Amino acid sequence: MQPRPVHRNLLIASLSLVLLAVVWTAAGQIPDQFTNLKVLPRDVSKKDLVDTMKGFSFGLGARCWYCHEGEGDDLSTFDFSSDKKAAKETARQHYQMTQEINEKYFAGRQALNCMTCHQGQAKPAS
């Protein structure tokens, strides 16, 4: 039995709030200096970087370890600069793609984001 759309939306909203609480708490564990930035500006602020990562997290319904080397909630143990996980490169490519589409067709307005296609799932439904 498929969940009704209203129930699905409530579930996604509830999970988003839980993820927000986890990511907000984790923000204090994010390093002050960033290395290996290939898509985001090298001088990105900590807040902007965390906001971008929150967008990825909410859009894909995934935690930090989905793209980054590490486990659990203690972000101080993560190797954020590692490129070992293929999901990180995929995220970079999709981020660039949505930025280009937003610029070309929506005058730079954030019309498309991860949630547009993924709807809270790591692998979007076809």
N, C-alpha and C. Protein backbone atom coordinates (compact mmCIF):
# COMPACT_ATOMS: atom_id res chain seq x y z
N MET A 1 0.84 -1.18 0.00
CA MET A 1 0.00 0.00 0.00
C MET A 1 0.89 1.24 0.00
N GLN A 2 0.66 2.12 -0.93
CA GLN A 2 1.43 3.35 -1.04
C GLN A 2 0.95 4.35 0.01
N PRO A 3 1.90 5.09 0.66
CA PRO A 3 1.46 6.12 1.61
C PRO A 3 0.74 7.24 0.86
N ARG A 4 -0.26 7.79 1.50
CA ARG A 4 -0.96 8.92 0.89
C ARG A 4 -0.02 10.11 0.84
N PRO A 5 -0.16 10.97 -0.20
CA PRO A 5 0.74 12.11 -0.35
C PRO A 5 0.84 13.00 0.88
N VAL A 6 -0.26 13.22 1.58
CA VAL A 6 -0.22 14.08 2.77
C VAL A 6 0.65 13.44 3.84
N HIS A 7 0.48 12.12 4.05
CA HIS A 7 1.29 11.42 5.04
C HIS A 7 2.76 11.42 4.64
N ARG A 8 3.03 11.25 3.36
CA ARG A 8 4.41 11.27 2.88
C ARG A 8 5.05 12.64 3.13
N ASN A 9 4.30 13.70 2.86
CA ASN A 9 4.82 15.05 3.08
C ASN A 9 5.08 15.30 4.56
N LEU A 10 4.19 14.81 5.42
CA LEU A 10 4.41 14.96 6.86
C LEU A 10 5.64 14.18 7.32
N LEU A 11 5.82 13.00 6.75
CA LEU A 11 6.99 12.19 7.08
C LEU A 11 8.26 12.91 6.65
N ILE A 12 8.28 13.44 5.44
CA ILE A 12 9.46 14.16 4.95
C ILE A 12 9.72 15.39 5.81
N ALA A 13 8.68 16.13 6.17
CA ALA A 13 8.86 17.31 7.03
C ALA A 13 9.41 16.92 8.39
N SER A 14 8.90 15.83 8.96
CA SER A 14 9.39 15.37 10.27
C SER A 14 10.84 14.96 10.21
N LEU A 15 11.19 14.19 9.18
CA LEU A 15 12.58 13.77 9.01
C LEU A 15 13.50 14.97 8.78
N SER A 16 13.01 15.96 8.06
CA SER A 16 13.80 17.17 7.82
C SER A 16 14.10 17.90 9.13
N LEU A 17 13.11 17.96 10.01
CA LEU A 17 13.33 18.62 11.30
C LEU A 17 14.36 17.87 12.14
N VAL A 18 14.32 16.55 12.11
CA VAL A 18 15.31 15.75 12.84
C VAL A 18 16.69 15.99 12.25
N LEU A 19 16.79 15.96 10.91
CA LEU A 19 18.08 16.21 10.27
C LEU A 19 18.58 17.61 10.57
N LEU A 20 17.69 18.58 10.59
CA LEU A 20 18.08 19.94 10.92
C LEU A 20 18.70 20.01 12.30
N ALA A 21 18.09 19.34 13.26
CA ALA A 21 18.63 19.34 14.63
C ALA A 21 20.01 18.71 14.67
N VAL A 22 20.19 17.60 13.95
CA VAL A 22 21.50 16.92 13.92
C VAL A 22 22.54 17.79 13.24
N VAL A 23 22.19 18.35 12.07
CA VAL A 23 23.15 19.16 11.33
C VAL A 23 23.48 20.43 12.09
N TRP A 24 22.49 21.05 12.72
CA TRP A 24 22.72 22.27 13.49
C TRP A 24 23.69 22.01 14.63
N THR A 25 23.51 20.88 15.34
CA THR A 25 24.41 20.51 16.42
C THR A 25 25.80 20.23 15.87
N ALA A 26 25.85 19.58 14.71
CA ALA A 26 27.13 19.22 14.11
C ALA A 26 27.89 20.43 13.60
N ALA A 27 27.22 21.55 13.36
CA ALA A 27 27.88 22.72 12.79
C ALA A 27 29.05 23.17 13.65
N GLY A 28 28.99 22.96 14.96
CA GLY A 28 30.09 23.32 15.84
C GLY A 28 31.30 22.43 15.65
N GLN A 29 31.13 21.28 14.99
CA GLN A 29 32.22 20.35 14.76
C GLN A 29 32.87 20.53 13.39
N ILE A 30 32.33 21.40 12.57
CA ILE A 30 32.87 21.64 11.24
C ILE A 30 34.17 22.43 11.37
N PRO A 31 35.21 22.05 10.63
CA PRO A 31 36.47 22.78 10.73
C PRO A 31 36.33 24.23 10.24
N ASP A 32 37.23 25.08 10.70
CA ASP A 32 37.20 26.49 10.29
C ASP A 32 37.86 26.70 8.92
N GLN A 33 38.79 25.84 8.57
CA GLN A 33 39.46 25.93 7.27
C GLN A 33 38.98 24.78 6.39
N PHE A 34 38.69 25.07 5.13
CA PHE A 34 38.20 24.05 4.22
C PHE A 34 39.26 23.77 3.16
N THR A 35 39.41 22.50 2.84
CA THR A 35 40.36 22.10 1.79
C THR A 35 39.61 21.27 0.76
N ASN A 36 40.16 21.20 -0.42
CA ASN A 36 39.61 20.39 -1.51
C ASN A 36 38.24 20.87 -1.98
N LEU A 37 38.00 22.17 -1.93
CA LEU A 37 36.75 22.71 -2.47
C LEU A 37 36.91 22.82 -3.98
N LYS A 38 36.05 22.15 -4.72
CA LYS A 38 36.15 22.16 -6.18
C LYS A 38 34.97 22.84 -6.85
N VAL A 39 33.85 22.98 -6.15
CA VAL A 39 32.66 23.60 -6.72
C VAL A 39 32.30 24.87 -5.96
N LEU A 40 32.31 24.79 -4.65
CA LEU A 40 32.02 25.96 -3.83
C LEU A 40 33.22 26.90 -3.83
N PRO A 41 32.99 28.20 -3.65
CA PRO A 41 34.10 29.15 -3.63
C PRO A 41 35.09 28.82 -2.49
N ARG A 42 36.36 29.00 -2.74
CA ARG A 42 37.39 28.70 -1.73
C ARG A 42 37.22 29.54 -0.47
N ASP A 43 36.59 30.71 -0.61
CA ASP A 43 36.40 31.58 0.55
C ASP A 43 34.97 31.47 1.11
N VAL A 44 34.30 30.36 0.84
CA VAL A 44 32.93 30.19 1.33
C VAL A 44 32.92 30.28 2.86
N SER A 45 31.91 30.96 3.39
CA SER A 45 31.80 31.06 4.84
C SER A 45 31.34 29.74 5.42
N LYS A 46 31.63 29.54 6.69
CA LYS A 46 31.21 28.32 7.38
C LYS A 46 29.68 28.19 7.30
N LYS A 47 28.97 29.29 7.51
CA LYS A 47 27.51 29.27 7.46
C LYS A 47 27.01 28.85 6.08
N ASP A 48 27.58 29.44 5.02
CA ASP A 48 27.14 29.09 3.67
C ASP A 48 27.44 27.64 3.33
N LEU A 49 28.60 27.15 3.77
CA LEU A 49 28.94 25.76 3.52
C LEU A 49 27.97 24.84 4.26
N VAL A 50 27.69 25.13 5.52
CA VAL A 50 26.77 24.31 6.31
C VAL A 50 25.37 24.37 5.69
N ASP A 51 24.93 25.55 5.26
CA ASP A 51 23.61 25.68 4.62
C ASP A 51 23.53 24.84 3.35
N THR A 52 24.61 24.83 2.56
CA THR A 52 24.64 24.03 1.33
C THR A 52 24.57 22.55 1.67
N MET A 53 25.33 22.13 2.66
CA MET A 53 25.32 20.73 3.08
C MET A 53 23.96 20.32 3.65
N LYS A 54 23.31 21.23 4.35
CA LYS A 54 21.95 20.96 4.85
C LYS A 54 21.01 20.72 3.67
N GLY A 55 21.14 21.52 2.64
CA GLY A 55 20.32 21.33 1.45
C GLY A 55 20.53 19.96 0.82
N PHE A 56 21.81 19.54 0.74
CA PHE A 56 22.09 18.20 0.22
C PHE A 56 21.45 17.15 1.12
N SER A 57 21.63 17.31 2.42
CA SER A 57 21.14 16.34 3.40
C SER A 57 19.61 16.21 3.32
N PHE A 58 18.91 17.33 3.30
CA PHE A 58 17.45 17.31 3.23
C PHE A 58 16.98 16.76 1.89
N GLY A 59 17.59 17.22 0.82
CA GLY A 59 17.17 16.83 -0.52
C GLY A 59 17.34 15.35 -0.79
N LEU A 60 18.41 14.77 -0.24
CA LEU A 60 18.70 13.36 -0.47
C LEU A 60 18.28 12.46 0.68
N GLY A 61 17.84 13.06 1.78
CA GLY A 61 17.50 12.24 2.94
C GLY A 61 18.69 11.44 3.41
N ALA A 62 19.89 12.01 3.28
CA ALA A 62 21.13 11.30 3.60
C ALA A 62 21.92 12.05 4.65
N ARG A 63 22.78 11.33 5.32
CA ARG A 63 23.64 11.92 6.34
C ARG A 63 25.01 12.22 5.73
N CYS A 64 25.86 12.88 6.49
CA CYS A 64 27.18 13.31 6.02
C CYS A 64 28.01 12.16 5.46
N TRP A 65 27.93 10.99 6.12
CA TRP A 65 28.75 9.85 5.71
C TRP A 65 28.37 9.32 4.33
N TYR A 66 27.25 9.76 3.79
CA TYR A 66 26.86 9.30 2.45
C TYR A 66 27.89 9.75 1.41
N CYS A 67 28.42 10.96 1.57
CA CYS A 67 29.42 11.50 0.64
C CYS A 67 30.82 11.59 1.24
N HIS A 68 30.90 11.73 2.56
CA HIS A 68 32.18 11.99 3.23
C HIS A 68 32.67 10.77 4.00
N GLU A 69 34.00 10.66 4.11
CA GLU A 69 34.63 9.58 4.87
C GLU A 69 34.41 9.80 6.35
N GLY A 70 33.69 8.90 6.99
CA GLY A 70 33.44 8.97 8.42
C GLY A 70 32.17 8.21 8.75
N GLU A 71 31.94 8.03 10.03
CA GLU A 71 30.75 7.31 10.48
C GLU A 71 30.16 8.02 11.69
N GLY A 72 28.86 7.86 11.87
CA GLY A 72 28.20 8.39 13.05
C GLY A 72 27.98 9.89 12.98
N ASP A 73 27.85 10.48 14.17
CA ASP A 73 27.51 11.90 14.27
C ASP A 73 28.68 12.78 14.68
N ASP A 74 29.81 12.20 15.05
CA ASP A 74 30.95 13.00 15.49
C ASP A 74 31.73 13.47 14.27
N LEU A 75 31.40 14.65 13.79
CA LEU A 75 32.01 15.16 12.56
C LEU A 75 33.50 15.47 12.72
N SER A 76 33.99 15.56 13.95
CA SER A 76 35.42 15.82 14.14
C SER A 76 36.26 14.63 13.68
N THR A 77 35.63 13.47 13.50
CA THR A 77 36.35 12.28 13.04
C THR A 77 36.28 12.11 11.52
N PHE A 78 35.58 12.98 10.82
CA PHE A 78 35.41 12.86 9.37
C PHE A 78 36.59 13.44 8.62
N ASP A 79 36.87 12.85 7.46
CA ASP A 79 37.85 13.39 6.53
C ASP A 79 37.07 14.02 5.38
N PHE A 80 36.70 15.28 5.56
CA PHE A 80 35.86 15.96 4.57
C PHE A 80 36.58 16.20 3.25
N SER A 81 37.91 16.25 3.26
CA SER A 81 38.64 16.53 2.03
C SER A 81 38.81 15.29 1.15
N SER A 82 38.55 14.11 1.68
CA SER A 82 38.71 12.88 0.92
C SER A 82 37.72 12.81 -0.24
N ASP A 83 38.21 12.31 -1.36
CA ASP A 83 37.38 12.11 -2.55
C ASP A 83 37.14 10.62 -2.81
N LYS A 84 37.29 9.78 -1.80
CA LYS A 84 37.17 8.33 -1.98
C LYS A 84 35.76 7.89 -2.36
N LYS A 85 34.75 8.59 -1.90
CA LYS A 85 33.38 8.16 -2.18
C LYS A 85 32.87 8.78 -3.47
N ALA A 86 32.36 7.91 -4.35
CA ALA A 86 31.86 8.37 -5.65
C ALA A 86 30.68 9.33 -5.49
N ALA A 87 29.92 9.17 -4.43
CA ALA A 87 28.74 10.03 -4.21
C ALA A 87 29.14 11.50 -4.09
N LYS A 88 30.34 11.76 -3.61
CA LYS A 88 30.80 13.15 -3.46
C LYS A 88 30.98 13.81 -4.82
N GLU A 89 31.58 13.09 -5.75
CA GLU A 89 31.76 13.64 -7.10
C GLU A 89 30.42 13.79 -7.80
N THR A 90 29.53 12.84 -7.60
CA THR A 90 28.19 12.93 -8.19
C THR A 90 27.47 14.17 -7.64
N ALA A 91 27.59 14.40 -6.34
CA ALA A 91 26.96 15.59 -5.74
C ALA A 91 27.52 16.86 -6.34
N ARG A 92 28.83 16.89 -6.55
CA ARG A 92 29.46 18.07 -7.18
C ARG A 92 28.89 18.31 -8.57
N GLN A 93 28.81 17.25 -9.36
CA GLN A 93 28.29 17.38 -10.73
C GLN A 93 26.84 17.85 -10.74
N HIS A 94 26.03 17.28 -9.86
CA HIS A 94 24.62 17.67 -9.81
C HIS A 94 24.45 19.09 -9.30
N TYR A 95 25.29 19.49 -8.36
CA TYR A 95 25.25 20.87 -7.86
C TYR A 95 25.57 21.84 -8.99
N GLN A 96 26.62 21.55 -9.74
CA GLN A 96 26.98 22.42 -10.87
C GLN A 96 25.86 22.46 -11.90
N MET A 97 25.26 21.30 -12.17
CA MET A 97 24.17 21.24 -13.15
C MET A 97 23.00 22.12 -12.72
N THR A 98 22.58 22.01 -11.45
CA THR A 98 21.44 22.82 -11.01
C THR A 98 21.79 24.30 -11.01
N GLN A 99 23.04 24.64 -10.66
CA GLN A 99 23.46 26.04 -10.68
C GLN A 99 23.39 26.59 -12.12
N GLU A 100 23.87 25.80 -13.07
CA GLU A 100 23.85 26.23 -14.47
C GLU A 100 22.42 26.40 -14.98
N ILE A 101 21.55 25.46 -14.66
CA ILE A 101 20.15 25.55 -15.09
C ILE A 101 19.48 26.76 -14.44
N ASN A 102 19.71 26.96 -13.15
CA ASN A 102 19.12 28.11 -12.47
C ASN A 102 19.60 29.42 -13.09
N GLU A 103 20.87 29.49 -13.42
CA GLU A 103 21.41 30.72 -14.02
C GLU A 103 20.84 30.95 -15.42
N LYS A 104 20.84 29.90 -16.23
CA LYS A 104 20.41 30.03 -17.62
C LYS A 104 18.91 30.28 -17.77
N TYR A 105 18.11 29.58 -17.00
CA TYR A 105 16.66 29.62 -17.22
C TYR A 105 15.87 30.39 -16.16
N PHE A 106 16.50 30.67 -15.02
CA PHE A 106 15.78 31.31 -13.93
C PHE A 106 16.49 32.55 -13.39
N ALA A 107 17.34 33.15 -14.22
CA ALA A 107 18.06 34.38 -13.88
C ALA A 107 18.78 34.28 -12.53
N GLY A 108 19.35 33.11 -12.25
CA GLY A 108 20.12 32.93 -11.02
C GLY A 108 19.30 32.62 -9.79
N ARG A 109 17.99 32.68 -9.91
CA ARG A 109 17.12 32.36 -8.78
C ARG A 109 17.22 30.87 -8.48
N GLN A 110 17.19 30.49 -7.22
CA GLN A 110 17.29 29.09 -6.79
C GLN A 110 15.97 28.37 -7.06
N ALA A 111 15.66 28.11 -8.33
CA ALA A 111 14.41 27.45 -8.69
C ALA A 111 14.53 25.93 -8.55
N LEU A 112 15.69 25.41 -8.90
CA LEU A 112 15.95 23.96 -8.78
C LEU A 112 16.94 23.72 -7.66
N ASN A 113 16.74 22.63 -6.94
CA ASN A 113 17.71 22.19 -5.94
C ASN A 113 17.61 20.67 -5.83
N CYS A 114 18.29 20.08 -4.90
CA CYS A 114 18.31 18.62 -4.76
C CYS A 114 16.91 18.05 -4.59
N MET A 115 16.09 18.72 -3.80
CA MET A 115 14.75 18.23 -3.50
C MET A 115 13.88 18.13 -4.76
N THR A 116 14.16 18.95 -5.75
CA THR A 116 13.36 18.97 -6.98
C THR A 116 13.24 17.56 -7.57
N CYS A 117 14.35 16.85 -7.65
CA CYS A 117 14.33 15.51 -8.23
C CYS A 117 14.36 14.41 -7.17
N HIS A 118 15.17 14.60 -6.15
CA HIS A 118 15.38 13.54 -5.17
C HIS A 118 14.22 13.37 -4.19
N GLN A 119 13.56 14.44 -3.84
CA GLN A 119 12.42 14.41 -2.92
C GLN A 119 12.71 13.59 -1.66
N GLY A 120 13.88 13.84 -1.08
CA GLY A 120 14.24 13.19 0.17
C GLY A 120 14.78 11.78 0.03
N GLN A 121 15.12 11.36 -1.18
CA GLN A 121 15.65 10.01 -1.42
C GLN A 121 17.03 10.11 -2.04
N ALA A 122 17.94 9.27 -1.59
CA ALA A 122 19.30 9.30 -2.13
C ALA A 122 19.30 9.01 -3.64
N LYS A 123 18.46 8.10 -4.05
CA LYS A 123 18.33 7.79 -5.49
C LYS A 123 16.92 8.19 -5.92
N PRO A 124 16.82 9.20 -6.79
CA PRO A 124 15.48 9.66 -7.17
C PRO A 124 14.69 8.60 -7.91
N ALA A 125 13.40 8.62 -7.73
CA ALA A 125 12.52 7.68 -8.46
C ALA A 125 12.54 8.03 -9.93
N SER A 126 12.45 7.02 -10.76
CA SER A 126 12.45 7.29 -12.21
C SER A 126 11.04 7.41 -12.73
